[in-house]
Amino acid sequence: GGVGVDGLQHVCHSMLFLEVPVVARQYHQAVARLDRIGQANPVQVRIAAARCTVQMNSYSRLLANDDLLSHVQRTLATLREMIHGIPS
């Protein structure tokens, strides 16, 4: 329920993905629903993945894609600078 549901930071601080997110952006968006202004507790996020299953492959791919994304888009400011050539 993390994607598209706002206001969760007021009622919870722990999240468990029962399926590995396929896209890193979905993961970041879901986590951002908890880890934001107004959150009073440390946020804990876990991804359930059974060993020796396709879930482990999906998990590895998610991490690899996120690493690749972080090299290209470090922050909103650096992305803006890369696109427009103007430091923010």
PDB file of N, CA and C in Angstrom:
ATOM      1  N   GLY A   1       0.810  -1.199   0.000  1.00  0.00           N
ATOM      2  CA  GLY A   1       0.000   0.000   0.000  1.00  0.00           C
ATOM      3  C   GLY A   1       0.848   1.256   0.000  1.00  0.00           C
ATOM      4  N   GLY A   2       2.165   1.143  -0.195  1.00  0.00           N
ATOM      5  CA  GLY A   2       3.021   2.316  -0.127  1.00  0.00           C
ATOM      6  C   GLY A   2       2.947   3.208  -1.339  1.00  0.00           C
ATOM      7  N   VAL A   3       2.652   2.658  -2.496  1.00  0.00           N
ATOM      8  CA  VAL A   3       2.616   3.450  -3.715  1.00  0.00           C
ATOM      9  C   VAL A   3       1.231   4.056  -3.856  1.00  0.00           C
ATOM     10  N   GLY A   4       1.161   5.376  -3.877  1.00  0.00           N
ATOM     11  CA  GLY A   4      -0.122   6.048  -4.063  1.00  0.00           C
ATOM     12  C   GLY A   4      -0.884   6.342  -2.793  1.00  0.00           C
ATOM     13  N   VAL A   5      -0.363   5.920  -1.635  1.00  0.00           N
ATOM     14  CA  VAL A   5      -1.052   6.177  -0.370  1.00  0.00           C
ATOM     15  C   VAL A   5      -0.230   7.192   0.411  1.00  0.00           C
ATOM     16  N   ASP A   6      -0.784   8.351   0.645  1.00  0.00           N
ATOM     17  CA  ASP A   6      -0.063   9.398   1.352  1.00  0.00           C
ATOM     18  C   ASP A   6      -0.488   9.419   2.818  1.00  0.00           C
ATOM     19  N   GLY A   7       0.343   9.983   3.677  1.00  0.00           N
ATOM     20  CA  GLY A   7      -0.009  10.153   5.079  1.00  0.00           C
ATOM     21  C   GLY A   7       0.364   8.986   5.973  1.00  0.00           C
ATOM     22  N   LEU A   8       1.070   7.987   5.451  1.00  0.00           N
ATOM     23  CA  LEU A   8       1.398   6.818   6.258  1.00  0.00           C
ATOM     24  C   LEU A   8       2.399   7.125   7.363  1.00  0.00           C
ATOM     25  N   GLN A   9       3.154   8.208   7.220  1.00  0.00           N
ATOM     26  CA  GLN A   9       4.164   8.520   8.233  1.00  0.00           C
ATOM     27  C   GLN A   9       3.551   8.801   9.590  1.00  0.00           C
ATOM     28  N   HIS A  10       2.245   9.055   9.643  1.00  0.00           N
ATOM     29  CA  HIS A  10       1.590   9.349  10.917  1.00  0.00           C
ATOM     30  C   HIS A  10       1.105   8.092  11.626  1.00  0.00           C
ATOM     31  N   VAL A  11       1.064   6.954  10.930  1.00  0.00           N
ATOM     32  CA  VAL A  11       0.505   5.751  11.545  1.00  0.00           C
ATOM     33  C   VAL A  11       1.463   4.563  11.566  1.00  0.00           C
ATOM     34  N   CYS A  12       2.555   4.606  10.815  1.00  0.00           N
ATOM     35  CA  CYS A  12       3.481   3.468  10.838  1.00  0.00           C
ATOM     36  C   CYS A  12       4.893   3.908  10.467  1.00  0.00           C
ATOM     37  N   HIS A  13       5.843   3.038  10.815  1.00  0.00           N
ATOM     38  CA  HIS A  13       7.239   3.318  10.503  1.00  0.00           C
ATOM     39  C   HIS A  13       7.966   2.063  10.018  1.00  0.00           C
ATOM     40  N   SER A  14       7.255   0.965   9.853  1.00  0.00           N
ATOM     41  CA  SER A  14       7.840  -0.279   9.361  1.00  0.00           C
ATOM     42  C   SER A  14       7.118  -0.709   8.094  1.00  0.00           C
ATOM     43  N   MET A  15       7.899  -1.261   7.159  1.00  0.00           N
ATOM     44  CA  MET A  15       7.327  -1.688   5.887  1.00  0.00           C
ATOM     45  C   MET A  15       7.929  -3.036   5.528  1.00  0.00           C
ATOM     46  N   LEU A  16       7.085  -3.920   5.000  1.00  0.00           N
ATOM     47  CA  LEU A  16       7.538  -5.226   4.526  1.00  0.00           C
ATOM     48  C   LEU A  16       7.006  -5.433   3.122  1.00  0.00           C
ATOM     49  N   PHE A  17       7.917  -5.549   2.170  1.00  0.00           N
ATOM     50  CA  PHE A  17       7.527  -5.887   0.803  1.00  0.00           C
ATOM     51  C   PHE A  17       7.414  -7.403   0.735  1.00  0.00           C
ATOM     52  N   LEU A  18       6.248  -7.916   0.385  1.00  0.00           N
ATOM     53  CA  LEU A  18       6.078  -9.355   0.250  1.00  0.00           C
ATOM     54  C   LEU A  18       6.490  -9.838  -1.127  1.00  0.00           C
ATOM     55  N   GLU A  19       6.640  -8.923  -2.050  1.00  0.00           N
ATOM     56  CA  GLU A  19       7.192  -9.228  -3.361  1.00  0.00           C
ATOM     57  C   GLU A  19       8.265  -8.184  -3.652  1.00  0.00           C
ATOM     58  N   VAL A  20       9.308  -8.617  -4.316  1.00  0.00           N
ATOM     59  CA  VAL A  20      10.401  -7.706  -4.658  1.00  0.00           C
ATOM     60  C   VAL A  20       9.885  -6.706  -5.688  1.00  0.00           C
ATOM     61  N   PRO A  21      10.030  -5.396  -5.426  1.00  0.00           N
ATOM     62  CA  PRO A  21       9.625  -4.403  -6.418  1.00  0.00           C
ATOM     63  C   PRO A  21      10.438  -4.594  -7.707  1.00  0.00           C
ATOM     64  N   VAL A  22       9.791  -4.454  -8.846  1.00  0.00           N
ATOM     65  CA  VAL A  22      10.468  -4.676 -10.117  1.00  0.00           C
ATOM     66  C   VAL A  22      11.257  -3.450 -10.552  1.00  0.00           C
ATOM     67  N   VAL A  23      10.827  -2.283 -10.142  1.00  0.00           N
ATOM     68  CA  VAL A  23      11.447  -1.029 -10.553  1.00  0.00           C
ATOM     69  C   VAL A  23      11.919  -0.300  -9.296  1.00  0.00           C
ATOM     70  N   ALA A  24      13.173   0.164  -9.331  1.00  0.00           N
ATOM     71  CA  ALA A  24      13.728   0.855  -8.169  1.00  0.00           C
ATOM     72  C   ALA A  24      12.881   2.062  -7.775  1.00  0.00           C
ATOM     73  N   ARG A  25      12.313   2.748  -8.751  1.00  0.00           N
ATOM     74  CA  ARG A  25      11.505   3.933  -8.469  1.00  0.00           C
ATOM     75  C   ARG A  25      10.284   3.585  -7.617  1.00  0.00           C
ATOM     76  N   GLN A  26       9.678   2.425  -7.856  1.00  0.00           N
ATOM     77  CA  GLN A  26       8.530   1.996  -7.049  1.00  0.00           C
ATOM     78  C   GLN A  26       8.949   1.798  -5.599  1.00  0.00           C
ATOM     79  N   TYR A  27      10.116   1.209  -5.417  1.00  0.00           N
ATOM     80  CA  TYR A  27      10.646   1.008  -4.071  1.00  0.00           C
ATOM     81  C   TYR A  27      10.871   2.353  -3.383  1.00  0.00           C
ATOM     82  N   HIS A  28      11.544   3.267  -4.065  1.00  0.00           N
ATOM     83  CA  HIS A  28      11.826   4.578  -3.479  1.00  0.00           C
ATOM     84  C   HIS A  28      10.546   5.335  -3.157  1.00  0.00           C
ATOM     85  N   GLN A  29       9.555   5.253  -4.031  1.00  0.00           N
ATOM     86  CA  GLN A  29       8.300   5.954  -3.785  1.00  0.00           C
ATOM     87  C   GLN A  29       7.585   5.384  -2.563  1.00  0.00           C
ATOM     88  N   ALA A  30       7.560   4.076  -2.449  1.00  0.00           N
ATOM     89  CA  ALA A  30       6.896   3.448  -1.309  1.00  0.00           C
ATOM     90  C   ALA A  30       7.589   3.811   0.004  1.00  0.00           C
ATOM     91  N   VAL A  31       8.915   3.748   0.014  1.00  0.00           N
ATOM     92  CA  VAL A  31       9.676   4.088   1.221  1.00  0.00           C
ATOM     93  C   VAL A  31       9.504   5.565   1.568  1.00  0.00           C
ATOM     94  N   ALA A  32       9.449   6.414   0.563  1.00  0.00           N
ATOM     95  CA  ALA A  32       9.291   7.858   0.796  1.00  0.00           C
ATOM     96  C   ALA A  32       7.955   8.183   1.457  1.00  0.00           C
ATOM     97  N   ARG A  33       6.972   7.289   1.345  1.00  0.00           N
ATOM     98  CA  ARG A  33       5.685   7.506   2.021  1.00  0.00           C
ATOM     99  C   ARG A  33       5.834   7.437   3.528  1.00  0.00           C
ATOM    100  N   LEU A  34       6.857   6.727   4.006  1.00  0.00           N
ATOM    101  CA  LEU A  34       7.103   6.630   5.446  1.00  0.00           C
ATOM    102  C   LEU A  34       8.220   7.551   5.905  1.00  0.00           C
ATOM    103  N   ASP A  35       9.286   7.624   5.133  1.00  0.00           N
ATOM    104  CA  ASP A  35      10.477   8.384   5.517  1.00  0.00           C
ATOM    105  C   ASP A  35      10.368   9.803   4.981  1.00  0.00           C
ATOM    106  N   ARG A  36       9.628  10.626   5.705  1.00  0.00           N
ATOM    107  CA  ARG A  36       9.387  11.997   5.251  1.00  0.00           C
ATOM    108  C   ARG A  36       9.122  12.907   6.434  1.00  0.00           C
ATOM    109  N   ILE A  37       8.922  14.158   6.176  1.00  0.00           N
ATOM    110  CA  ILE A  37       8.651  15.133   7.235  1.00  0.00           C
ATOM    111  C   ILE A  37       7.433  14.674   8.023  1.00  0.00           C
ATOM    112  N   GLY A  38       7.549  14.704   9.335  1.00  0.00           N
ATOM    113  CA  GLY A  38       6.458  14.290  10.203  1.00  0.00           C
ATOM    114  C   GLY A  38       6.669  12.906  10.800  1.00  0.00           C
ATOM    115  N   GLN A  39       7.644  12.161  10.298  1.00  0.00           N
ATOM    116  CA  GLN A  39       7.915  10.822  10.821  1.00  0.00           C
ATOM    117  C   GLN A  39       8.677  10.956  12.127  1.00  0.00           C
ATOM    118  N   ALA A  40       8.112  10.407  13.200  1.00  0.00           N
ATOM    119  CA  ALA A  40       8.715  10.533  14.519  1.00  0.00           C
ATOM    120  C   ALA A  40       9.610   9.344  14.882  1.00  0.00           C
ATOM    121  N   ASN A  41       9.517   8.242  14.131  1.00  0.00           N
ATOM    122  CA  ASN A  41      10.262   7.022  14.454  1.00  0.00           C
ATOM    123  C   ASN A  41      11.237   6.665  13.335  1.00  0.00           C
ATOM    124  N   PRO A  42      12.290   5.908  13.682  1.00  0.00           N
ATOM    125  CA  PRO A  42      13.185   5.416  12.633  1.00  0.00           C
ATOM    126  C   PRO A  42      12.415   4.476  11.699  1.00  0.00           C
ATOM    127  N   VAL A  43      12.591   4.620  10.406  1.00  0.00           N
ATOM    128  CA  VAL A  43      11.877   3.805   9.428  1.00  0.00           C
ATOM    129  C   VAL A  43      12.635   2.503   9.193  1.00  0.00           C
ATOM    130  N   GLN A  44      11.899   1.389   9.214  1.00  0.00           N
ATOM    131  CA  GLN A  44      12.470   0.076   8.938  1.00  0.00           C
ATOM    132  C   GLN A  44      11.784  -0.499   7.711  1.00  0.00           C
ATOM    133  N   VAL A  45      12.579  -0.905   6.721  1.00  0.00           N
ATOM    134  CA  VAL A  45      12.035  -1.452   5.476  1.00  0.00           C
ATOM    135  C   VAL A  45      12.686  -2.803   5.236  1.00  0.00           C
ATOM    136  N   ARG A  46      11.860  -3.796   4.948  1.00  0.00           N
ATOM    137  CA  ARG A  46      12.357  -5.141   4.653  1.00  0.00           C
ATOM    138  C   ARG A  46      11.730  -5.640   3.357  1.00  0.00           C
ATOM    139  N   ILE A  47      12.482  -6.461   2.646  1.00  0.00           N
ATOM    140  CA  ILE A  47      11.977  -7.102   1.429  1.00  0.00           C
ATOM    141  C   ILE A  47      12.055  -8.610   1.655  1.00  0.00           C
ATOM    142  N   ALA A  48      10.915  -9.282   1.573  1.00  0.00           N
ATOM    143  CA  ALA A  48      10.880 -10.734   1.725  1.00  0.00           C
ATOM    144  C   ALA A  48      11.263 -11.378   0.397  1.00  0.00           C
ATOM    145  N   ALA A  49      12.243 -12.278   0.453  1.00  0.00           N
ATOM    146  CA  ALA A  49      12.664 -12.998  -0.747  1.00  0.00           C
ATOM    147  C   ALA A  49      13.124 -14.387  -0.319  1.00  0.00           C
ATOM    148  N   ALA A  50      12.516 -15.417  -0.895  1.00  0.00           N
ATOM    149  CA  ALA A  50      12.856 -16.800  -0.550  1.00  0.00           C
ATOM    150  C   ALA A  50      14.126 -17.222  -1.271  1.00  0.00           C
ATOM    151  N   ARG A  51      15.041 -17.854  -0.534  1.00  0.00           N
ATOM    152  CA  ARG A  51      16.292 -18.336  -1.127  1.00  0.00           C
ATOM    153  C   ARG A  51      16.015 -19.366  -2.211  1.00  0.00           C
ATOM    154  N   CYS A  52      16.911 -19.402  -3.180  1.00  0.00           N
ATOM    155  CA  CYS A  52      16.864 -20.374  -4.289  1.00  0.00           C
ATOM    156  C   CYS A  52      15.587 -20.250  -5.108  1.00  0.00           C
ATOM    157  N   THR A  53      15.068 -19.042  -5.233  1.00  0.00           N
ATOM    158  CA  THR A  53      13.878 -18.793  -6.055  1.00  0.00           C
ATOM    159  C   THR A  53      14.171 -17.633  -6.993  1.00  0.00           C
ATOM    160  N   VAL A  54      13.235 -17.385  -7.892  1.00  0.00           N
ATOM    161  CA  VAL A  54      13.358 -16.263  -8.816  1.00  0.00           C
ATOM    162  C   VAL A  54      13.346 -14.927  -8.063  1.00  0.00           C
ATOM    163  N   GLN A  55      12.819 -14.916  -6.852  1.00  0.00           N
ATOM    164  CA  GLN A  55      12.789 -13.683  -6.060  1.00  0.00           C
ATOM    165  C   GLN A  55      14.196 -13.160  -5.784  1.00  0.00           C
ATOM    166  N   MET A  56      15.153 -14.054  -5.563  1.00  0.00           N
ATOM    167  CA  MET A  56      16.528 -13.618  -5.304  1.00  0.00           C
ATOM    168  C   MET A  56      17.126 -12.957  -6.541  1.00  0.00           C
ATOM    169  N   ASN A  57      16.801 -13.487  -7.714  1.00  0.00           N
ATOM    170  CA  ASN A  57      17.256 -12.882  -8.962  1.00  0.00           C
ATOM    171  C   ASN A  57      16.639 -11.490  -9.125  1.00  0.00           C
ATOM    172  N   SER A  58      15.353 -11.379  -8.821  1.00  0.00           N
ATOM    173  CA  SER A  58      14.668 -10.076  -8.898  1.00  0.00           C
ATOM    174  C   SER A  58      15.277  -9.083  -7.921  1.00  0.00           C
ATOM    175  N   TYR A  59      15.604  -9.551  -6.736  1.00  0.00           N
ATOM    176  CA  TYR A  59      16.201  -8.686  -5.714  1.00  0.00           C
ATOM    177  C   TYR A  59      17.571  -8.186  -6.187  1.00  0.00           C
ATOM    178  N   SER A  60      18.384  -9.084  -6.724  1.00  0.00           N
ATOM    179  CA  SER A  60      19.707  -8.691  -7.232  1.00  0.00           C
ATOM    180  C   SER A  60      19.578  -7.687  -8.366  1.00  0.00           C
ATOM    181  N   ARG A  61      18.606  -7.896  -9.251  1.00  0.00           N
ATOM    182  CA  ARG A  61      18.381  -6.985 -10.378  1.00  0.00           C
ATOM    183  C   ARG A  61      17.927  -5.616  -9.874  1.00  0.00           C
ATOM    184  N   LEU A  62      17.072  -5.594  -8.848  1.00  0.00           N
ATOM    185  CA  LEU A  62      16.615  -4.326  -8.264  1.00  0.00           C
ATOM    186  C   LEU A  62      17.808  -3.543  -7.722  1.00  0.00           C
ATOM    187  N   LEU A  63      18.695  -4.215  -7.001  1.00  0.00           N
ATOM    188  CA  LEU A  63      19.871  -3.538  -6.439  1.00  0.00           C
ATOM    189  C   LEU A  63      20.800  -3.035  -7.542  1.00  0.00           C
ATOM    190  N   ALA A  64      21.005  -3.846  -8.574  1.00  0.00           N
ATOM    191  CA  ALA A  64      21.867  -3.437  -9.682  1.00  0.00           C
ATOM    192  C   ALA A  64      21.285  -2.232 -10.414  1.00  0.00           C
ATOM    193  N   ASN A  65      19.985  -2.241 -10.647  1.00  0.00           N
ATOM    194  CA  ASN A  65      19.336  -1.106 -11.317  1.00  0.00           C
ATOM    195  C   ASN A  65      19.421   0.153 -10.469  1.00  0.00           C
ATOM    196  N   ASP A  66      19.280   0.001  -9.158  1.00  0.00           N
ATOM    197  CA  ASP A  66      19.367   1.160  -8.273  1.00  0.00           C
ATOM    198  C   ASP A  66      20.785   1.717  -8.259  1.00  0.00           C
ATOM    199  N   ASP A  67      21.786   0.841  -8.274  1.00  0.00           N
ATOM    200  CA  ASP A  67      23.179   1.308  -8.342  1.00  0.00           C
ATOM    201  C   ASP A  67      23.425   2.079  -9.629  1.00  0.00           C
ATOM    202  N   LEU A  68      22.920   1.551 -10.734  1.00  0.00           N
ATOM    203  CA  LEU A  68      23.076   2.229 -12.025  1.00  0.00           C
ATOM    204  C   LEU A  68      22.393   3.592 -12.006  1.00  0.00           C
ATOM    205  N   LEU A  69      21.189   3.641 -11.471  1.00  0.00           N
ATOM    206  CA  LEU A  69      20.437   4.892 -11.393  1.00  0.00           C
ATOM    207  C   LEU A  69      21.170   5.928 -10.537  1.00  0.00           C
ATOM    208  N   SER A  70      21.763   5.489  -9.440  1.00  0.00           N
ATOM    209  CA  SER A  70      22.448   6.445  -8.562  1.00  0.00           C
ATOM    210  C   SER A  70      23.680   7.058  -9.220  1.00  0.00           C
ATOM    211  N   HIS A  71      24.276   6.356 -10.187  1.00  0.00           N
ATOM    212  CA  HIS A  71      25.419   6.939 -10.919  1.00  0.00           C
ATOM    213  C   HIS A  71      24.954   7.998 -11.908  1.00  0.00           C
ATOM    214  N   VAL A  72      23.747   7.854 -12.411  1.00  0.00           N
ATOM    215  CA  VAL A  72      23.224   8.784 -13.406  1.00  0.00           C
ATOM    216  C   VAL A  72      22.499   9.947 -12.745  1.00  0.00           C
ATOM    217  N   GLN A  73      21.660   9.640 -11.782  1.00  0.00           N
ATOM    218  CA  GLN A  73      20.825  10.656 -11.139  1.00  0.00           C
ATOM    219  C   GLN A  73      21.133  10.666  -9.653  1.00  0.00           C
ATOM    220  N   ARG A  74      22.125  11.424  -9.276  1.00  0.00           N
ATOM    221  CA  ARG A  74      22.519  11.430  -7.864  1.00  0.00           C
ATOM    222  C   ARG A  74      21.530  12.187  -6.999  1.00  0.00           C
ATOM    223  N   THR A  75      21.148  13.342  -7.467  1.00  0.00           N
ATOM    224  CA  THR A  75      20.124  14.121  -6.764  1.00  0.00           C
ATOM    225  C   THR A  75      19.330  14.868  -7.816  1.00  0.00           C
ATOM    226  N   LEU A  76      18.229  15.453  -7.397  1.00  0.00           N
ATOM    227  CA  LEU A  76      17.437  16.251  -8.313  1.00  0.00           C
ATOM    228  C   LEU A  76      18.264  17.414  -8.856  1.00  0.00           C
ATOM    229  N   ALA A  77      19.092  18.002  -8.004  1.00  0.00           N
ATOM    230  CA  ALA A  77      19.910  19.141  -8.436  1.00  0.00           C
ATOM    231  C   ALA A  77      20.919  18.717  -9.494  1.00  0.00           C
ATOM    232  N   THR A  78      21.600  17.580  -9.292  1.00  0.00           N
ATOM    233  CA  THR A  78      22.597  17.171 -10.280  1.00  0.00           C
ATOM    234  C   THR A  78      21.930  16.747 -11.580  1.00  0.00           C
ATOM    235  N   LEU A  79      20.757  16.137 -11.505  1.00  0.00           N
ATOM    236  CA  LEU A  79      20.041  15.776 -12.722  1.00  0.00           C
ATOM    237  C   LEU A  79      19.668  17.039 -13.487  1.00  0.00           C
ATOM    238  N   ARG A  80      19.170  18.036 -12.793  1.00  0.00           N
ATOM    239  CA  ARG A  80      18.804  19.300 -13.432  1.00  0.00           C
ATOM    240  C   ARG A  80      20.024  19.927 -14.089  1.00  0.00           C
ATOM    241  N   GLU A  81      21.164  19.872 -13.401  1.00  0.00           N
ATOM    242  CA  GLU A  81      22.397  20.439 -13.954  1.00  0.00           C
ATOM    243  C   GLU A  81      22.829  19.669 -15.200  1.00  0.00           C
ATOM    244  N   MET A  82      22.705  18.317 -15.164  1.00  0.00           N
ATOM    245  CA  MET A  82      23.073  17.515 -16.332  1.00  0.00           C
ATOM    246  C   MET A  82      22.201  17.823 -17.543  1.00  0.00           C
ATOM    247  N   ILE A  83      20.921  18.042 -17.295  1.00  0.00           N
ATOM    248  CA  ILE A  83      19.986  18.284 -18.400  1.00  0.00           C
ATOM    249  C   ILE A  83      20.133  19.697 -18.946  1.00  0.00           C
ATOM    250  N   HIS A  84      20.177  20.673 -18.052  1.00  0.00           N
ATOM    251  CA  HIS A  84      20.151  22.076 -18.478  1.00  0.00           C
ATOM    252  C   HIS A  84      21.522  22.745 -18.477  1.00  0.00           C
ATOM    253  N   GLY A  85      22.516  22.122 -17.838  1.00  0.00           N
ATOM    254  CA  GLY A  85      23.831  22.726 -17.778  1.00  0.00           C
ATOM    255  C   GLY A  85      23.901  23.919 -16.843  1.00  0.00           C
ATOM    256  N   ILE A  86      22.902  24.032 -15.965  1.00  0.00           N
ATOM    257  CA  ILE A  86      22.838  25.168 -15.039  1.00  0.00           C
ATOM    258  C   ILE A  86      22.866  24.637 -13.610  1.00  0.00           C
ATOM    259  N   PRO A  87      23.863  24.999 -12.819  1.00  0.00           N
ATOM    260  CA  PRO A  87      23.862  24.572 -11.408  1.00  0.00           C
ATOM    261  C   PRO A  87      22.692  25.211 -10.680  1.00  0.00           C
ATOM    262  N   SER A  88      22.075  24.422  -9.780  1.00  0.00           N
ATOM    263  CA  SER A  88      20.939  25.002  -9.043  1.00  0.00           C
ATOM    264  C   SER A  88      21.375  25.610  -7.739  1.00  0.00           C
TER     265      SER A  88
END
